[in-house]
């Protein structure tokens, strides 16, 4: 008699687990569908309502020397995966060399004849709005920027 009770209990438990696993996705779908609306209302209270203003970002001035050719012979766009994110990089070949859009603004790569300096005109970083320019100096891995007024001589 104990064997029959055990068989019925095991069969009933197995049937209940099977029926529950088949019915569970219907309950989860209702729970998951309601969650994004709740999360969106929470984030709308935290995040700013105005769009981001990119005018405060650092802008770069690219100064090209006379020995650098600007006539493009070949160009290509390649996909680069950096730190887990895909980025598209333009590679341009001219008579004076091959240049990459990724390396052009990097502090670790310097192309001969091309100077990339930050443009601080009209920003809070430029205390001298009346003239002059920022000059970069690189020694090893250290790059320093200094302001040279318009009426002074650079040493």
N, C-alpha and C. Protein backbone atom coordinates (compact mmCIF):
# COMPACT_ATOMS: atom_id res chain seq x y z
N UNK A 1 0.81 -1.19 0.00
CA UNK A 1 0.00 0.00 0.00
C UNK A 1 0.86 1.26 0.00
N UNK A 2 1.97 1.21 0.70
CA UNK A 2 2.86 2.36 0.77
C UNK A 2 3.47 2.64 -0.58
N UNK A 3 3.70 1.58 -1.39
CA UNK A 3 4.27 1.79 -2.72
C UNK A 3 3.30 2.52 -3.64
N UNK A 4 2.01 2.21 -3.51
CA UNK A 4 1.02 2.86 -4.36
C UNK A 4 0.92 4.35 -3.99
N UNK A 5 0.96 4.69 -2.72
CA UNK A 5 0.88 6.07 -2.28
C UNK A 5 2.11 6.84 -2.76
N UNK A 6 3.25 6.18 -2.66
CA UNK A 6 4.49 6.82 -3.11
C UNK A 6 4.45 7.07 -4.62
N UNK A 7 3.98 6.14 -5.40
CA UNK A 7 3.89 6.29 -6.86
C UNK A 7 2.92 7.42 -7.21
N UNK A 8 1.78 7.48 -6.54
CA UNK A 8 0.79 8.53 -6.82
C UNK A 8 1.37 9.90 -6.42
N UNK A 9 2.09 9.98 -5.29
CA UNK A 9 2.66 11.25 -4.84
C UNK A 9 3.74 11.73 -5.81
N UNK A 10 4.59 10.82 -6.25
CA UNK A 10 5.64 11.19 -7.20
C UNK A 10 5.03 11.60 -8.54
N UNK A 11 4.04 10.85 -9.02
CA UNK A 11 3.38 11.19 -10.28
C UNK A 11 2.65 12.52 -10.20
N UNK A 12 1.98 12.78 -9.07
CA UNK A 12 1.28 14.05 -8.90
C UNK A 12 2.24 15.23 -8.85
N UNK A 13 3.37 15.04 -8.15
CA UNK A 13 4.37 16.10 -8.07
C UNK A 13 4.96 16.38 -9.45
N UNK A 14 5.29 15.32 -10.19
CA UNK A 14 5.85 15.49 -11.53
C UNK A 14 4.84 16.17 -12.45
N UNK A 15 3.58 15.81 -12.36
CA UNK A 15 2.55 16.43 -13.19
C UNK A 15 2.35 17.90 -12.84
N UNK A 16 2.41 18.22 -11.54
CA UNK A 16 2.26 19.60 -11.10
C UNK A 16 3.44 20.45 -11.60
N UNK A 17 4.66 19.90 -11.54
CA UNK A 17 5.83 20.63 -12.03
C UNK A 17 5.75 20.85 -13.53
N UNK A 18 5.30 19.84 -14.27
CA UNK A 18 5.17 19.97 -15.72
C UNK A 18 4.10 21.01 -16.07
N UNK A 19 2.96 20.96 -15.42
CA UNK A 19 1.89 21.92 -15.71
C UNK A 19 2.32 23.33 -15.31
N UNK A 20 3.04 23.45 -14.19
CA UNK A 20 3.51 24.76 -13.75
C UNK A 20 4.54 25.36 -14.69
N UNK A 21 5.43 24.50 -15.22
CA UNK A 21 6.45 25.02 -16.15
C UNK A 21 5.84 25.43 -17.48
N UNK A 22 4.74 24.80 -17.88
CA UNK A 22 4.07 25.20 -19.12
C UNK A 22 3.26 26.48 -18.94
N UNK A 23 2.73 26.71 -17.75
CA UNK A 23 1.89 27.87 -17.51
C UNK A 23 2.70 29.09 -17.05
N UNK A 24 3.91 28.89 -16.55
CA UNK A 24 4.70 29.98 -15.97
C UNK A 24 5.02 31.11 -16.95
N UNK A 25 5.37 30.84 -18.21
CA UNK A 25 5.67 31.97 -19.11
C UNK A 25 4.52 32.95 -19.28
N UNK A 26 3.28 32.48 -19.14
CA UNK A 26 2.15 33.40 -19.26
C UNK A 26 2.16 34.40 -18.09
N UNK A 27 2.50 33.96 -16.90
CA UNK A 27 2.54 34.85 -15.74
C UNK A 27 3.75 35.78 -15.82
N UNK A 28 4.88 35.28 -16.32
CA UNK A 28 6.08 36.11 -16.42
C UNK A 28 5.90 37.21 -17.45
N UNK A 29 5.19 36.91 -18.53
CA UNK A 29 4.98 37.90 -19.58
C UNK A 29 4.23 39.12 -19.01
N UNK A 30 3.24 38.88 -18.17
CA UNK A 30 2.51 39.99 -17.56
C UNK A 30 3.42 40.80 -16.63
N UNK A 31 4.26 40.11 -15.87
CA UNK A 31 5.14 40.80 -14.92
C UNK A 31 6.21 41.60 -15.65
N UNK A 32 6.77 41.03 -16.70
CA UNK A 32 7.84 41.72 -17.44
C UNK A 32 7.26 42.89 -18.24
N UNK A 33 6.08 42.78 -18.75
CA UNK A 33 5.48 43.86 -19.54
C UNK A 33 5.22 45.09 -18.68
N UNK A 34 4.94 44.92 -17.40
CA UNK A 34 4.65 46.06 -16.54
C UNK A 34 5.91 46.73 -16.03
N UNK A 35 7.02 46.05 -15.98
CA UNK A 35 8.25 46.58 -15.40
C UNK A 35 8.84 47.76 -16.19
N UNK A 36 8.97 47.71 -17.54
CA UNK A 36 9.60 48.85 -18.24
C UNK A 36 8.89 50.17 -18.00
N UNK A 37 7.58 50.16 -17.87
CA UNK A 37 6.85 51.41 -17.63
C UNK A 37 7.22 51.98 -16.28
N UNK A 38 7.38 51.13 -15.27
CA UNK A 38 7.75 51.60 -13.94
C UNK A 38 9.17 52.15 -13.95
N UNK A 39 10.08 51.46 -14.64
CA UNK A 39 11.48 51.91 -14.71
C UNK A 39 11.56 53.23 -15.46
N UNK A 40 10.81 53.39 -16.53
CA UNK A 40 10.85 54.63 -17.30
C UNK A 40 10.35 55.81 -16.48
N UNK A 41 9.35 55.62 -15.66
CA UNK A 41 8.87 56.73 -14.84
C UNK A 41 9.87 57.10 -13.76
N UNK A 42 10.60 56.13 -13.23
CA UNK A 42 11.62 56.42 -12.23
C UNK A 42 12.77 57.20 -12.86
N UNK A 43 13.24 56.78 -14.05
CA UNK A 43 14.36 57.46 -14.70
C UNK A 43 13.97 58.85 -15.19
N UNK A 44 12.73 59.06 -15.55
CA UNK A 44 12.35 60.39 -16.02
C UNK A 44 12.41 61.41 -14.89
N UNK A 45 12.27 60.98 -13.66
CA UNK A 45 12.41 61.89 -12.53
C UNK A 45 13.87 62.21 -12.24
N UNK A 46 14.76 61.27 -12.52
CA UNK A 46 16.19 61.44 -12.21
C UNK A 46 16.92 62.20 -13.30
N UNK A 47 16.67 61.86 -14.55
CA UNK A 47 17.41 62.44 -15.67
C UNK A 47 16.93 63.86 -15.97
N UNK A 48 17.83 64.70 -16.49
CA UNK A 48 17.42 66.07 -16.83
C UNK A 48 16.45 66.07 -18.02
N UNK A 49 15.57 67.04 -18.03
CA UNK A 49 14.56 67.11 -19.08
C UNK A 49 15.05 67.84 -20.33
N UNK A 50 16.14 68.65 -20.21
CA UNK A 50 16.64 69.36 -21.37
C UNK A 50 17.62 68.47 -22.13
N UNK A 51 17.69 68.62 -23.44
CA UNK A 51 18.68 67.86 -24.21
C UNK A 51 20.09 68.37 -23.87
N UNK A 52 21.07 67.51 -24.08
CA UNK A 52 22.46 67.84 -23.77
C UNK A 52 22.98 68.88 -24.75
N UNK A 53 23.68 69.89 -24.24
CA UNK A 53 24.24 70.95 -25.07
C UNK A 53 25.72 70.65 -25.33
N UNK A 54 26.09 70.27 -26.56
CA UNK A 54 27.48 69.90 -26.84
C UNK A 54 28.42 71.09 -27.03
N UNK A 55 27.94 72.32 -26.87
CA UNK A 55 28.80 73.48 -27.10
C UNK A 55 29.91 73.59 -26.05
N UNK A 56 29.74 72.94 -24.90
CA UNK A 56 30.76 72.99 -23.87
C UNK A 56 31.86 71.96 -24.03
N UNK A 57 31.77 71.11 -25.03
CA UNK A 57 32.80 70.10 -25.24
C UNK A 57 34.07 70.70 -25.83
N UNK A 58 35.17 70.02 -25.63
CA UNK A 58 36.45 70.48 -26.15
C UNK A 58 36.47 70.35 -27.67
N UNK A 59 36.87 71.41 -28.34
CA UNK A 59 37.00 71.41 -29.79
C UNK A 59 38.47 71.48 -30.13
N UNK A 60 38.87 70.84 -31.21
CA UNK A 60 40.27 70.78 -31.60
C UNK A 60 40.49 71.53 -32.90
N UNK A 61 41.59 72.28 -32.96
CA UNK A 61 42.01 72.93 -34.19
C UNK A 61 43.16 72.11 -34.77
N UNK A 62 43.04 71.76 -36.05
CA UNK A 62 44.07 70.99 -36.72
C UNK A 62 44.83 71.93 -37.64
N UNK A 63 46.13 72.09 -37.37
CA UNK A 63 46.98 72.95 -38.18
C UNK A 63 47.87 72.06 -39.05
N UNK A 64 47.75 72.21 -40.36
CA UNK A 64 48.49 71.37 -41.31
C UNK A 64 49.66 72.18 -41.85
N UNK A 65 50.86 71.60 -41.74
CA UNK A 65 52.07 72.26 -42.21
C UNK A 65 52.18 72.24 -43.73
N UNK A 66 53.13 73.01 -44.28
CA UNK A 66 53.26 73.09 -45.74
C UNK A 66 53.78 71.79 -46.36
N UNK A 67 54.44 70.93 -45.60
CA UNK A 67 54.98 69.69 -46.16
C UNK A 67 53.99 68.55 -46.20
N UNK A 68 52.77 68.78 -45.74
CA UNK A 68 51.75 67.72 -45.71
C UNK A 68 50.82 67.88 -46.89
N UNK A 69 50.70 66.83 -47.67
CA UNK A 69 49.82 66.85 -48.84
C UNK A 69 48.37 66.63 -48.39
N UNK A 70 47.45 67.38 -48.99
CA UNK A 70 46.03 67.22 -48.68
C UNK A 70 45.27 66.55 -49.83
N UNK A 71 45.97 66.11 -50.86
CA UNK A 71 45.34 65.41 -51.97
C UNK A 71 45.21 63.93 -51.61
N UNK A 72 43.98 63.45 -51.49
CA UNK A 72 43.72 62.07 -51.07
C UNK A 72 43.94 61.14 -52.25
N UNK A 73 44.81 60.14 -52.05
CA UNK A 73 45.03 59.12 -53.08
C UNK A 73 44.12 57.92 -52.86
N UNK A 74 44.01 57.49 -51.62
CA UNK A 74 43.14 56.36 -51.27
C UNK A 74 42.51 56.63 -49.91
N UNK A 75 41.30 56.16 -49.72
CA UNK A 75 40.66 56.28 -48.42
C UNK A 75 39.84 55.02 -48.16
N UNK A 76 39.72 54.69 -46.88
CA UNK A 76 38.95 53.51 -46.47
C UNK A 76 38.37 53.78 -45.09
N UNK A 77 37.25 53.13 -44.82
CA UNK A 77 36.64 53.18 -43.50
C UNK A 77 36.67 51.77 -42.95
N UNK A 78 37.28 51.62 -41.77
CA UNK A 78 37.38 50.30 -41.14
C UNK A 78 36.63 50.31 -39.83
N UNK A 79 36.21 49.12 -39.42
CA UNK A 79 35.52 48.95 -38.15
C UNK A 79 36.53 48.51 -37.11
N UNK A 80 36.56 49.20 -36.00
CA UNK A 80 37.51 48.92 -34.93
C UNK A 80 36.73 48.61 -33.66
N UNK A 81 37.12 47.56 -32.95
CA UNK A 81 36.48 47.24 -31.69
C UNK A 81 37.44 47.67 -30.58
N UNK A 82 37.01 48.63 -29.78
CA UNK A 82 37.86 49.19 -28.74
C UNK A 82 37.09 49.20 -27.43
N UNK A 83 37.61 48.53 -26.43
CA UNK A 83 36.97 48.44 -25.12
C UNK A 83 35.55 47.91 -25.22
N UNK A 84 35.33 46.96 -26.10
CA UNK A 84 34.03 46.33 -26.24
C UNK A 84 33.02 47.09 -27.08
N UNK A 85 33.41 48.22 -27.67
CA UNK A 85 32.50 49.01 -28.49
C UNK A 85 33.03 49.11 -29.91
N UNK A 86 32.14 49.08 -30.87
CA UNK A 86 32.53 49.21 -32.27
C UNK A 86 32.65 50.68 -32.63
N UNK A 87 33.71 51.00 -33.34
CA UNK A 87 33.97 52.38 -33.75
C UNK A 87 34.44 52.34 -35.20
N UNK A 88 34.01 53.29 -36.00
CA UNK A 88 34.44 53.36 -37.39
C UNK A 88 35.53 54.40 -37.53
N UNK A 89 36.62 54.02 -38.18
CA UNK A 89 37.80 54.87 -38.31
C UNK A 89 38.08 55.08 -39.80
N UNK A 90 38.33 56.32 -40.17
CA UNK A 90 38.70 56.65 -41.56
C UNK A 90 40.22 56.62 -41.69
N UNK A 91 40.70 55.94 -42.71
CA UNK A 91 42.13 55.89 -43.00
C UNK A 91 42.32 56.52 -44.38
N UNK A 92 43.19 57.53 -44.42
CA UNK A 92 43.41 58.29 -45.65
C UNK A 92 44.89 58.22 -46.01
N UNK A 93 45.16 57.95 -47.28
CA UNK A 93 46.54 57.92 -47.76
C UNK A 93 46.74 59.07 -48.74
N UNK A 94 47.79 59.86 -48.47
CA UNK A 94 48.16 60.96 -49.35
C UNK A 94 49.60 60.74 -49.80
N UNK A 95 50.13 61.67 -50.57
CA UNK A 95 51.51 61.55 -51.04
C UNK A 95 52.50 61.67 -49.88
N UNK A 96 52.11 62.35 -48.80
CA UNK A 96 53.04 62.56 -47.68
C UNK A 96 52.89 61.50 -46.59
N UNK A 97 51.90 60.63 -46.65
CA UNK A 97 51.76 59.59 -45.63
C UNK A 97 50.36 59.06 -45.50
N UNK A 98 50.18 58.17 -44.53
CA UNK A 98 48.88 57.57 -44.24
C UNK A 98 48.41 58.08 -42.90
N UNK A 99 47.16 58.52 -42.83
CA UNK A 99 46.63 59.16 -41.63
C UNK A 99 45.33 58.48 -41.21
N UNK A 100 45.12 58.40 -39.91
CA UNK A 100 43.93 57.78 -39.34
C UNK A 100 43.15 58.81 -38.54
N UNK A 101 41.84 58.80 -38.67
CA UNK A 101 41.02 59.75 -37.90
C UNK A 101 41.06 59.45 -36.41
N UNK A 102 41.30 58.21 -36.05
CA UNK A 102 41.39 57.83 -34.65
C UNK A 102 42.69 58.33 -34.03
N UNK A 103 43.78 58.23 -34.76
CA UNK A 103 45.08 58.64 -34.22
C UNK A 103 45.30 60.14 -34.34
N UNK A 104 44.57 60.81 -35.20
CA UNK A 104 44.77 62.24 -35.41
C UNK A 104 44.52 63.04 -34.14
N UNK A 105 43.52 62.65 -33.37
CA UNK A 105 43.19 63.38 -32.14
C UNK A 105 43.74 62.70 -30.89
N UNK A 106 44.53 61.66 -31.05
CA UNK A 106 45.10 60.96 -29.91
C UNK A 106 46.32 61.70 -29.37
N UNK A 107 46.49 61.68 -28.05
CA UNK A 107 47.67 62.29 -27.44
C UNK A 107 48.89 61.40 -27.59
N UNK A 108 48.70 60.15 -27.98
CA UNK A 108 49.80 59.19 -28.07
C UNK A 108 50.41 59.10 -29.46
N UNK A 109 49.77 59.69 -30.46
CA UNK A 109 50.26 59.62 -31.84
C UNK A 109 50.46 61.04 -32.35
N UNK A 110 51.63 61.31 -32.88
CA UNK A 110 51.93 62.63 -33.46
C UNK A 110 52.35 62.43 -34.92
N UNK A 111 51.65 63.07 -35.82
CA UNK A 111 52.01 63.03 -37.23
C UNK A 111 52.93 64.20 -37.53
N UNK A 112 54.02 63.98 -38.30
CA UNK A 112 54.91 65.10 -38.65
C UNK A 112 54.17 66.13 -39.51
N UNK A 113 54.27 67.39 -39.12
CA UNK A 113 53.65 68.47 -39.89
C UNK A 113 52.22 68.74 -39.54
N UNK A 114 51.63 67.97 -38.63
CA UNK A 114 50.23 68.18 -38.24
C UNK A 114 50.20 68.45 -36.74
N UNK A 115 49.66 69.61 -36.36
CA UNK A 115 49.52 69.97 -34.97
C UNK A 115 48.04 70.02 -34.62
N UNK A 116 47.66 69.30 -33.60
CA UNK A 116 46.28 69.31 -33.12
C UNK A 116 46.30 69.97 -31.75
N UNK A 117 45.65 71.14 -31.67
CA UNK A 117 45.62 71.90 -30.42
C UNK A 117 44.16 72.16 -30.04
N UNK A 118 43.88 72.19 -28.75
CA UNK A 118 42.51 72.48 -28.34
C UNK A 118 42.13 73.92 -28.64
N UNK A 119 40.89 74.11 -29.00
CA UNK A 119 40.37 75.44 -29.31
C UNK A 119 39.56 75.91 -28.10
N UNK A 120 40.10 76.89 -27.37
CA UNK A 120 39.43 77.39 -26.19
C UNK A 120 38.78 78.75 -26.43
N UNK A 121 38.64 79.16 -27.67
CA UNK A 121 38.11 80.49 -27.98
C UNK A 121 36.66 80.57 -27.53
N UNK A 122 36.39 81.58 -26.72
CA UNK A 122 35.02 81.82 -26.27
C UNK A 122 34.55 80.89 -25.18
N UNK A 123 35.40 80.06 -24.62
CA UNK A 123 34.97 79.18 -23.55
C UNK A 123 35.49 79.70 -22.23
N UNK A 124 35.04 79.13 -21.16
CA UNK A 124 35.47 79.55 -19.83
C UNK A 124 36.92 79.18 -19.57
N UNK A 125 37.50 78.28 -20.39
CA UNK A 125 38.89 77.89 -20.21
C UNK A 125 39.86 78.92 -20.76
N UNK A 126 39.38 79.87 -21.55
CA UNK A 126 40.26 80.88 -22.14
C UNK A 126 40.05 82.20 -21.41
N UNK A 127 40.96 82.54 -20.48
CA UNK A 127 40.78 83.81 -19.77
C UNK A 127 41.17 85.01 -20.61
N UNK A 128 41.85 84.80 -21.73
CA UNK A 128 42.33 85.89 -22.57
C UNK A 128 41.55 85.88 -23.88
N UNK A 129 40.42 86.58 -23.91
CA UNK A 129 39.59 86.58 -25.11
C UNK A 129 40.07 87.60 -26.15
N UNK A 130 41.10 88.35 -25.83
CA UNK A 130 41.49 89.45 -26.71
C UNK A 130 42.55 89.09 -27.73
N UNK A 131 43.05 87.90 -27.75
CA UNK A 131 44.05 87.51 -28.74
C UNK A 131 45.06 86.57 -28.16
N UNK A 132 45.81 85.95 -29.04
CA UNK A 132 46.80 84.98 -28.62
C UNK A 132 46.35 83.58 -29.04
N UNK A 133 47.15 82.60 -28.67
CA UNK A 133 46.78 81.23 -29.00
C UNK A 133 47.37 80.29 -27.98
N UNK A 134 46.82 79.10 -27.96
CA UNK A 134 47.31 78.05 -27.08
C UNK A 134 48.37 77.25 -27.83
N UNK A 135 49.45 76.93 -27.16
CA UNK A 135 50.56 76.19 -27.77
C UNK A 135 50.78 74.93 -26.95
N UNK A 136 50.97 73.80 -27.63
CA UNK A 136 51.21 72.54 -26.93
C UNK A 136 52.69 72.19 -27.00
N UNK A 137 53.16 71.55 -25.96
CA UNK A 137 54.54 71.10 -25.89
C UNK A 137 54.53 69.68 -25.35
N UNK A 138 55.15 68.75 -26.06
CA UNK A 138 55.14 67.36 -25.65
C UNK A 138 56.55 66.91 -25.33
N UNK A 139 56.72 66.32 -24.16
CA UNK A 139 57.99 65.72 -23.75
C UNK A 139 57.68 64.32 -23.26
N UNK A 140 58.10 63.33 -24.02
CA UNK A 140 57.78 61.95 -23.66
C UNK A 140 56.29 61.72 -23.75
N UNK A 141 55.69 61.31 -22.64
CA UNK A 141 54.25 61.07 -22.63
C UNK A 141 53.47 62.22 -22.00
N UNK A 142 54.16 63.33 -21.70
CA UNK A 142 53.51 64.46 -21.05
C UNK A 142 53.29 65.58 -22.07
N UNK A 143 52.05 66.03 -22.20
CA UNK A 143 51.71 67.14 -23.08
C UNK A 143 51.20 68.29 -22.23
N UNK A 144 51.82 69.46 -22.39
CA UNK A 144 51.39 70.64 -21.65
C UNK A 144 50.88 71.68 -22.65
N UNK A 145 49.91 72.47 -22.21
CA UNK A 145 49.34 73.54 -23.02
C UNK A 145 49.60 74.86 -22.30
N UNK A 146 50.04 75.85 -23.04
CA UNK A 146 50.25 77.17 -22.44
C UNK A 146 49.71 78.22 -23.41
N UNK A 147 49.27 79.34 -22.83
CA UNK A 147 48.70 80.41 -23.62
C UNK A 147 49.78 81.43 -23.94
N UNK A 148 49.90 81.78 -25.22
CA UNK A 148 50.85 82.79 -25.67
C UNK A 148 50.05 84.00 -26.14
N UNK A 149 50.17 85.15 -25.44
CA UNK A 149 49.44 86.34 -25.87
C UNK A 149 49.87 86.79 -27.26
N UNK A 150 49.03 87.54 -27.93
CA UNK A 150 49.26 87.94 -29.32
C UNK A 150 50.50 88.83 -29.47
N UNK A 151 50.85 89.65 -28.47
CA UNK A 151 51.96 90.61 -28.61
C UNK A 151 53.27 90.09 -28.05
N UNK A 152 53.38 88.81 -27.71
CA UNK A 152 54.63 88.29 -27.16
C UNK A 152 55.30 87.38 -28.18
N UNK A 153 56.57 87.12 -27.95
CA UNK A 153 57.32 86.21 -28.82
C UNK A 153 57.43 84.87 -28.15
N UNK A 154 57.26 83.83 -28.94
CA UNK A 154 57.32 82.46 -28.39
C UNK A 154 58.77 81.98 -28.42
N UNK A 155 59.22 81.41 -27.33
CA UNK A 155 60.60 80.92 -27.24
C UNK A 155 60.63 79.44 -27.53
